[in-house]
C-alpha atoms as a PDB file:
ATOM      1  CA  MET A   1      33.473 -32.293 -24.631  1.00  0.00           C
ATOM      2  CA  GLY A   2      29.745 -32.177 -26.474  1.00  0.00           C
ATOM      3  CA  ILE A   3      27.763 -29.203 -25.395  1.00  0.00           C
ATOM      4  CA  VAL A   4      24.786 -30.018 -23.915  1.00  0.00           C
ATOM      5  CA  ASN A   5      21.176 -29.009 -25.273  1.00  0.00           C
ATOM      6  CA  ALA A   6      19.160 -28.204 -22.084  1.00  0.00           C
ATOM      7  CA  GLU A   7      15.878 -27.681 -23.799  1.00  0.00           C
ATOM      8  CA  ARG A   8      16.041 -31.213 -25.686  1.00  0.00           C
ATOM      9  CA  ASP A   9      16.898 -32.887 -22.295  1.00  0.00           C
ATOM     10  CA  THR A  10      13.337 -31.582 -21.097  1.00  0.00           C
ATOM     11  CA  ILE A  11       9.775 -32.396 -22.367  1.00  0.00           C
ATOM     12  CA  GLN A  12       8.477 -28.621 -22.235  1.00  0.00           C
ATOM     13  CA  ILE A  13       4.714 -28.362 -21.307  1.00  0.00           C
ATOM     14  CA  VAL A  14       3.186 -24.264 -21.964  1.00  0.00           C
ATOM     15  CA  GLY A  15      -0.414 -23.812 -20.925  1.00  0.00           C
ATOM     16  CA  ALA A  16      -1.285 -27.051 -20.231  1.00  0.00           C
ATOM     17  CA  ARG A  17      -5.560 -27.360 -19.827  1.00  0.00           C
ATOM     18  CA  GLU A  18      -6.730 -30.673 -20.050  1.00  0.00           C
ATOM     19  CA  ASN A  19      -9.322 -31.924 -17.944  1.00  0.00           C
ATOM     20  CA  ASN A  20      -8.504 -30.004 -14.157  1.00  0.00           C
ATOM     21  CA  LEU A  21      -5.527 -28.254 -15.476  1.00  0.00           C
ATOM     22  CA  ARG A  22      -5.648 -24.162 -15.293  1.00  0.00           C
ATOM     23  CA  ASN A  23      -2.582 -23.008 -17.734  1.00  0.00           C
ATOM     24  CA  ILE A  24       0.199 -25.019 -15.854  1.00  0.00           C
ATOM     25  CA  SER A  25       3.304 -24.823 -17.964  1.00  0.00           C
ATOM     26  CA  LEU A  26       6.222 -27.126 -16.749  1.00  0.00           C
ATOM     27  CA  GLU A  27       9.640 -28.676 -17.901  1.00  0.00           C
ATOM     28  CA  ILE A  28       9.991 -32.813 -17.334  1.00  0.00           C
ATOM     29  CA  PRO A  29      13.785 -34.303 -17.392  1.00  0.00           C
ATOM     30  CA  LYS A  30      14.545 -36.636 -19.620  1.00  0.00           C
ATOM     31  CA  GLY A  31      16.661 -39.925 -18.766  1.00  0.00           C
ATOM     32  CA  LYS A  32      15.211 -39.729 -15.263  1.00  0.00           C
ATOM     33  CA  ILE A  33      12.781 -41.251 -13.309  1.00  0.00           C
ATOM     34  CA  VAL A  34      10.134 -38.394 -12.159  1.00  0.00           C
ATOM     35  CA  VAL A  35       7.397 -38.971 -10.180  1.00  0.00           C
ATOM     36  CA  PHE A  36       4.191 -36.538  -9.783  1.00  0.00           C
ATOM     37  CA  THR A  37       2.465 -37.061  -6.457  1.00  0.00           C
ATOM     38  CA  GLY A  38      -0.618 -35.057  -4.865  1.00  0.00           C
ATOM     39  CA  VAL A  39      -3.758 -35.294  -3.448  1.00  0.00           C
ATOM     40  CA  SER A  40      -6.756 -36.693  -5.827  1.00  0.00           C
ATOM     41  CA  GLY A  41      -7.866 -34.287  -8.253  1.00  0.00           C
ATOM     42  CA  SER A  42      -4.488 -32.219  -8.537  1.00  0.00           C
ATOM     43  CA  GLY A  43      -4.113 -33.490 -12.281  1.00  0.00           C
ATOM     44  CA  LYS A  44      -1.169 -36.140 -11.800  1.00  0.00           C
ATOM     45  CA  SER A  45      -3.076 -37.898 -14.709  1.00  0.00           C
ATOM     46  CA  SER A  46      -3.888 -35.286 -16.339  1.00  0.00           C
ATOM     47  CA  ILE A  47      -0.229 -34.254 -17.013  1.00  0.00           C
ATOM     48  CA  VAL A  48       1.209 -37.368 -17.503  1.00  0.00           C
ATOM     49  CA  PHE A  49      -1.527 -39.552 -19.079  1.00  0.00           C
ATOM     50  CA  GLY A  50      -3.851 -36.699 -20.548  1.00  0.00           C
ATOM     51  CA  THR A  51      -1.547 -34.669 -21.736  1.00  0.00           C
ATOM     52  CA  VAL A  52       2.291 -36.218 -22.693  1.00  0.00           C
ATOM     53  CA  ALA A  53       0.962 -39.821 -23.242  1.00  0.00           C
ATOM     54  CA  VAL A  54      -1.945 -38.513 -25.619  1.00  0.00           C
ATOM     55  CA  GLU A  55       0.471 -36.070 -27.025  1.00  0.00           C
ATOM     56  CA  SER A  56       3.033 -39.029 -27.452  1.00  0.00           C
ATOM     57  CA  GLN A  57       0.827 -41.284 -29.266  1.00  0.00           C
ATOM     58  CA  ARG A  58      -0.367 -38.674 -31.460  1.00  0.00           C
ATOM     59  CA  GLN A  59       2.869 -37.679 -32.811  1.00  0.00           C
ATOM     60  CA  LEU A  60       3.635 -40.762 -33.416  1.00  0.00           C
ATOM     61  CA  ASN A  61       0.601 -41.767 -35.186  1.00  0.00           C
ATOM     62  CA  GLU A  62       1.215 -38.997 -37.444  1.00  0.00           C
ATOM     63  CA  THR A  63       4.594 -40.720 -38.689  1.00  0.00           C
ATOM     64  CA  TYR A  64       2.175 -43.788 -40.111  1.00  0.00           C
ATOM     65  CA  THR A  65       0.804 -43.625 -43.667  1.00  0.00           C
ATOM     66  CA  TRP A  66      -2.507 -42.690 -44.125  1.00  0.00           C
ATOM     67  CA  PHE A  67      -3.580 -46.593 -44.438  1.00  0.00           C
ATOM     68  CA  ILE A  68      -2.444 -47.296 -40.942  1.00  0.00           C
ATOM     69  CA  ARG A  69      -3.431 -44.384 -39.487  1.00  0.00           C
ATOM     70  CA  ASN A  70      -7.376 -45.234 -40.318  1.00  0.00           C
ATOM     71  CA  ARG A  71      -6.710 -48.632 -38.337  1.00  0.00           C
ATOM     72  CA  LEU A  72      -5.258 -47.015 -35.389  1.00  0.00           C
ATOM     73  CA  PRO A  73      -6.674 -45.335 -32.550  1.00  0.00           C
ATOM     74  CA  LYS A  74      -7.722 -41.208 -32.944  1.00  0.00           C
ATOM     75  CA  TYR A  75      -6.101 -39.059 -30.298  1.00  0.00           C
ATOM     76  CA  GLU A  76      -7.135 -35.392 -30.298  1.00  0.00           C
ATOM     77  CA  ARG A  77      -4.177 -32.908 -29.498  1.00  0.00           C
ATOM     78  CA  PRO A  78      -4.109 -31.623 -26.053  1.00  0.00           C
ATOM     79  CA  GLU A  79      -5.589 -28.650 -24.604  1.00  0.00           C
ATOM     80  CA  ALA A  80      -1.676 -26.540 -24.174  1.00  0.00           C
ATOM     81  CA  ASP A  81      -0.217 -24.140 -25.492  1.00  0.00           C
ATOM     82  CA  ALA A  82       2.976 -25.828 -26.919  1.00  0.00           C
ATOM     83  CA  ILE A  83       4.511 -29.809 -25.714  1.00  0.00           C
ATOM     84  CA  ASP A  84       7.851 -30.170 -27.006  1.00  0.00           C
ATOM     85  CA  ASN A  85      10.448 -32.372 -26.762  1.00  0.00           C
ATOM     86  CA  LEU A  86       8.384 -35.466 -26.129  1.00  0.00           C
ATOM     87  CA  ALA A  87       9.441 -39.207 -27.069  1.00  0.00           C
ATOM     88  CA  PRO A  88       7.648 -42.339 -27.954  1.00  0.00           C
ATOM     89  CA  ALA A  89       5.237 -43.145 -24.567  1.00  0.00           C
ATOM     90  CA  VAL A  90       4.518 -46.396 -23.225  1.00  0.00           C
ATOM     91  CA  VAL A  91       1.741 -46.169 -21.278  1.00  0.00           C
ATOM     92  CA  VAL A  92       1.482 -48.626 -18.055  1.00  0.00           C
ATOM     93  CA  ASP A  93      -1.701 -47.832 -16.152  1.00  0.00           C
ATOM     94  CA  GLN A  94      -3.645 -49.127 -13.364  1.00  0.00           C
ATOM     95  CA  ARG A  95      -6.137 -50.747 -14.739  1.00  0.00           C
ATOM     96  CA  PRO A  96      -6.065 -54.584 -15.092  1.00  0.00           C
ATOM     97  CA  ILE A  97      -5.528 -56.019 -18.600  1.00  0.00           C
ATOM     98  CA  GLY A  98      -8.191 -58.432 -19.826  1.00  0.00           C
ATOM     99  CA  GLY A  99      -7.937 -61.564 -21.134  1.00  0.00           C
ATOM    100  CA  ASN A 100      -8.198 -65.320 -20.104  1.00  0.00           C
ATOM    101  CA  SER A 101      -5.591 -68.503 -18.840  1.00  0.00           C
ATOM    102  CA  ARG A 102      -3.603 -68.053 -22.463  1.00  0.00           C
ATOM    103  CA  SER A 103      -3.226 -64.625 -22.182  1.00  0.00           C
ATOM    104  CA  THR A 104       0.743 -63.349 -21.980  1.00  0.00           C
ATOM    105  CA  VAL A 105       2.641 -61.237 -22.606  1.00  0.00           C
ATOM    106  CA  GLY A 106       4.084 -62.520 -25.508  1.00  0.00           C
ATOM    107  CA  THR A 107       0.444 -62.786 -26.877  1.00  0.00           C
ATOM    108  CA  MET A 108      -0.705 -59.549 -25.821  1.00  0.00           C
ATOM    109  CA  THR A 109       2.191 -58.049 -27.694  1.00  0.00           C
ATOM    110  CA  ASP A 110       2.308 -60.315 -30.939  1.00  0.00           C
ATOM    111  CA  ILE A 111       6.058 -60.788 -30.188  1.00  0.00           C
ATOM    112  CA  GLN A 112       4.675 -64.640 -29.460  1.00  0.00           C
ATOM    113  CA  SER A 113       3.186 -64.841 -33.219  1.00  0.00           C
ATOM    114  CA  ILE A 114       6.843 -63.537 -34.893  1.00  0.00           C
ATOM    115  CA  ILE A 115       8.824 -66.064 -32.617  1.00  0.00           C
ATOM    116  CA  ARG A 116       6.312 -68.651 -34.170  1.00  0.00           C
ATOM    117  CA  VAL A 117       7.718 -67.366 -37.711  1.00  0.00           C
ATOM    118  CA  LEU A 118      11.251 -67.761 -36.576  1.00  0.00           C
ATOM    119  CA  PHE A 119      11.133 -70.861 -35.645  1.00  0.00           C
ATOM    120  CA  SER A 120       9.544 -72.014 -38.232  1.00  0.00           C
ATOM    121  CA  ARG A 121      12.084 -71.136 -40.700  1.00  0.00           C
ATOM    122  CA  HIS A 122      15.252 -71.480 -38.601  1.00  0.00           C
ATOM    123  CA  SER A 123      14.564 -74.254 -35.972  1.00  0.00           C
ATOM    124  CA  GLU A 124      16.423 -77.295 -36.703  1.00  0.00           C
ATOM    125  CA  PRO A 125      14.813 -79.684 -36.735  1.00  0.00           C
ATOM    126  CA  SER A 126      12.108 -77.587 -37.640  1.00  0.00           C
ATOM    127  CA  ALA A 127       8.601 -78.592 -35.645  1.00  0.00           C
ATOM    128  CA  GLY A 128       6.734 -77.118 -39.813  1.00  0.00           C
ATOM    129  CA  GLU A 129       4.522 -74.199 -39.961  1.00  0.00           C
ATOM    130  CA  ALA A 130       4.340 -71.457 -37.591  1.00  0.00           C
ATOM    131  CA  THR A 131       1.069 -72.671 -35.451  1.00  0.00           C
ATOM    132  CA  ASN A 132       2.973 -75.743 -34.550  1.00  0.00           C
ATOM    133  CA  TYR A 133       4.923 -73.454 -32.161  1.00  0.00           C
ATOM    134  CA  SER A 134       1.672 -72.421 -30.702  1.00  0.00           C
ATOM    135  CA  PHE A 135       0.407 -73.518 -27.253  1.00  0.00           C
ATOM    136  CA  ASN A 136      -2.860 -72.709 -28.783  1.00  0.00           C
ATOM    137  CA  ASP A 137      -2.455 -74.956 -31.120  1.00  0.00           C
ATOM    138  CA  PRO A 138      -3.496 -78.734 -30.114  1.00  0.00           C
ATOM    139  CA  LEU A 139      -0.236 -79.522 -32.354  1.00  0.00           C
ATOM    140  CA  GLY A 140       1.729 -76.741 -30.432  1.00  0.00           C
ATOM    141  CA  MET A 141       0.361 -77.137 -27.193  1.00  0.00           C
ATOM    142  CA  CYS A 142       2.328 -79.649 -24.351  1.00  0.00           C
ATOM    143  CA  PRO A 143      -0.243 -82.842 -23.865  1.00  0.00           C
ATOM    144  CA  GLU A 144       0.772 -82.479 -20.334  1.00  0.00           C
ATOM    145  CA  CYS A 145      -0.327 -79.476 -19.353  1.00  0.00           C
ATOM    146  CA  GLY A 146      -2.554 -78.631 -22.930  1.00  0.00           C
ATOM    147  CA  GLY A 147      -0.755 -74.942 -23.244  1.00  0.00           C
ATOM    148  CA  LEU A 148      -1.543 -73.502 -20.091  1.00  0.00           C
ATOM    149  CA  GLY A 149       1.853 -74.028 -18.670  1.00  0.00           C
ATOM    150  CA  HIS A 150       0.473 -75.615 -15.197  1.00  0.00           C
ATOM    151  CA  VAL A 151      -0.959 -78.968 -14.661  1.00  0.00           C
ATOM    152  CA  VAL A 152      -4.265 -79.068 -12.319  1.00  0.00           C
ATOM    153  CA  ARG A 153      -4.583 -82.022 -10.734  1.00  0.00           C
ATOM    154  CA  PRO A 154      -7.668 -83.428  -8.393  1.00  0.00           C
ATOM    155  CA  ASP A 155      -6.462 -84.166  -4.755  1.00  0.00           C
ATOM    156  CA  LEU A 156      -8.023 -87.812  -4.138  1.00  0.00           C
ATOM    157  CA  ASP A 157      -6.806 -87.866  -0.494  1.00  0.00           C
ATOM    158  CA  LYS A 158      -9.221 -84.756   0.458  1.00  0.00           C
ATOM    159  CA  LEU A 159     -11.854 -86.039  -2.584  1.00  0.00           C
ATOM    160  CA  LEU A 160     -12.367 -88.938  -1.278  1.00  0.00           C
ATOM    161  CA  ASP A 161     -12.349 -90.800   2.286  1.00  0.00           C
ATOM    162  CA  MET A 162     -11.346 -94.598   1.144  1.00  0.00           C
ATOM    163  CA  ASP A 163     -13.330 -96.136   4.465  1.00  0.00           C
ATOM    164  CA  ARG A 164     -16.735 -95.106   3.337  1.00  0.00           C
ATOM    165  CA  SER A 165     -19.483 -96.323   0.836  1.00  0.00           C
ATOM    166  CA  LEU A 166     -20.977 -94.060  -1.472  1.00  0.00           C
ATOM    167  CA  ASN A 167     -24.026 -94.216   0.157  1.00  0.00           C
ATOM    168  CA  GLU A 168     -21.566 -93.198   3.123  1.00  0.00           C
ATOM    169  CA  GLY A 169     -20.375 -89.946   1.927  1.00  0.00           C
ATOM    170  CA  ALA A 170     -17.504 -91.432   0.126  1.00  0.00           C
ATOM    171  CA  ILE A 171     -17.034 -88.153  -2.139  1.00  0.00           C
ATOM    172  CA  THR A 172     -16.235 -85.385   0.285  1.00  0.00           C
ATOM    173  CA  PHE A 173     -16.496 -82.726  -2.356  1.00  0.00           C
ATOM    174  CA  ALA A 174     -19.789 -80.980  -1.465  1.00  0.00           C
ATOM    175  CA  PRO A 175     -21.637 -80.758  -4.990  1.00  0.00           C
ATOM    176  CA  PHE A 176     -21.293 -84.642  -4.520  1.00  0.00           C
ATOM    177  CA  ALA A 177     -23.093 -84.916  -1.382  1.00  0.00           C
ATOM    178  CA  ILE A 178     -26.131 -87.854  -0.885  1.00  0.00           C
ATOM    179  CA  GLY A 179     -28.928 -87.055  -2.522  1.00  0.00           C
ATOM    180  CA  THR A 180     -27.441 -85.163  -5.391  1.00  0.00           C
ATOM    181  CA  PHE A 181     -27.493 -85.535  -8.881  1.00  0.00           C
ATOM    182  CA  GLN A 182     -23.578 -85.780  -9.448  1.00  0.00           C
ATOM    183  CA  TRP A 183     -23.773 -88.314  -6.382  1.00  0.00           C
ATOM    184  CA  GLN A 184     -26.571 -90.450  -8.441  1.00  0.00           C
ATOM    185  CA  LEU A 185     -24.998 -90.610 -11.679  1.00  0.00           C
ATOM    186  CA  TYR A 186     -22.423 -92.658  -9.285  1.00  0.00           C
ATOM    187  CA  ALA A 187     -24.482 -94.399  -6.933  1.00  0.00           C
ATOM    188  CA  GLN A 188     -27.037 -94.776  -8.665  1.00  0.00           C
ATOM    189  CA  SER A 189     -25.616 -95.917 -12.211  1.00  0.00           C
ATOM    190  CA  GLY A 190     -25.582 -99.795 -11.443  1.00  0.00           C
ATOM    191  CA  LEU A 191     -21.639-100.082 -11.750  1.00  0.00           C
ATOM    192  CA  PHE A 192     -20.479 -99.363  -8.630  1.00  0.00           C
ATOM    193  CA  ASP A 193     -22.046-101.268  -5.161  1.00  0.00           C
ATOM    194  CA  PRO A 194     -23.222 -98.527  -3.236  1.00  0.00           C
ATOM    195  CA  ASP A 195     -22.684 -99.936   0.071  1.00  0.00           C
ATOM    196  CA  LYS A 196     -18.688-101.238  -0.746  1.00  0.00           C
ATOM    197  CA  PRO A 197     -16.371 -98.941   1.178  1.00  0.00           C
ATOM    198  CA  LEU A 198     -13.991 -97.192  -1.459  1.00  0.00           C
ATOM    199  CA  ARG A 199     -10.949 -98.958  -0.083  1.00  0.00           C
ATOM    200  CA  GLU A 200     -12.513-102.715  -1.429  1.00  0.00           C
ATOM    201  CA  PHE A 201     -13.077-101.325  -5.328  1.00  0.00           C
ATOM    202  CA  SER A 202     -11.326-102.998  -7.431  1.00  0.00           C
ATOM    203  CA  ALA A 203      -8.268-100.799  -9.823  1.00  0.00           C
ATOM    204  CA  GLU A 204     -11.332-100.941 -12.778  1.00  0.00           C
ATOM    205  CA  GLU A 205     -14.018 -99.607 -10.512  1.00  0.00           C
END
């Protein structure tokens, strides 16, 4: 049975003075869930994000070449006498992640691009280049949902009153109310009889 090295089982912080911390020293156990609690302004974020996470990222960045380091975010050493036994940190904060309807975990972590390359080289049969496996590329996206993963369709039963004519407000969607520009595109286009109930429209109409 091996001897457990207690020093290596904890993150050791001595004299932390980041933000509102006042010469704080503590040991944080590794391999366990550790919760920091306290009133607002007590220094929870200053320890977790401003000290541990920043120093962990700074030390990790020092393992890269200068070419890579020049392209990474710059982290200043936190105000503390010593911070030892850190491991790489993954920071999950409370800020919402930016993006759009095409942003996924795969796109934000760049894993998706690696998977595309893997599929392009090893899938049988292959769809071709890596971009052909991208849901953001016309060649790779689903023709039904356009690569968004879900389909949005209008509910015609809620949008149209089939017993009314266009002049009677058959389109129940407010932007198409009688007299609006959108309503005029249909009612005054000459393509439809504005006094005929929609139920009597032909399939083509």
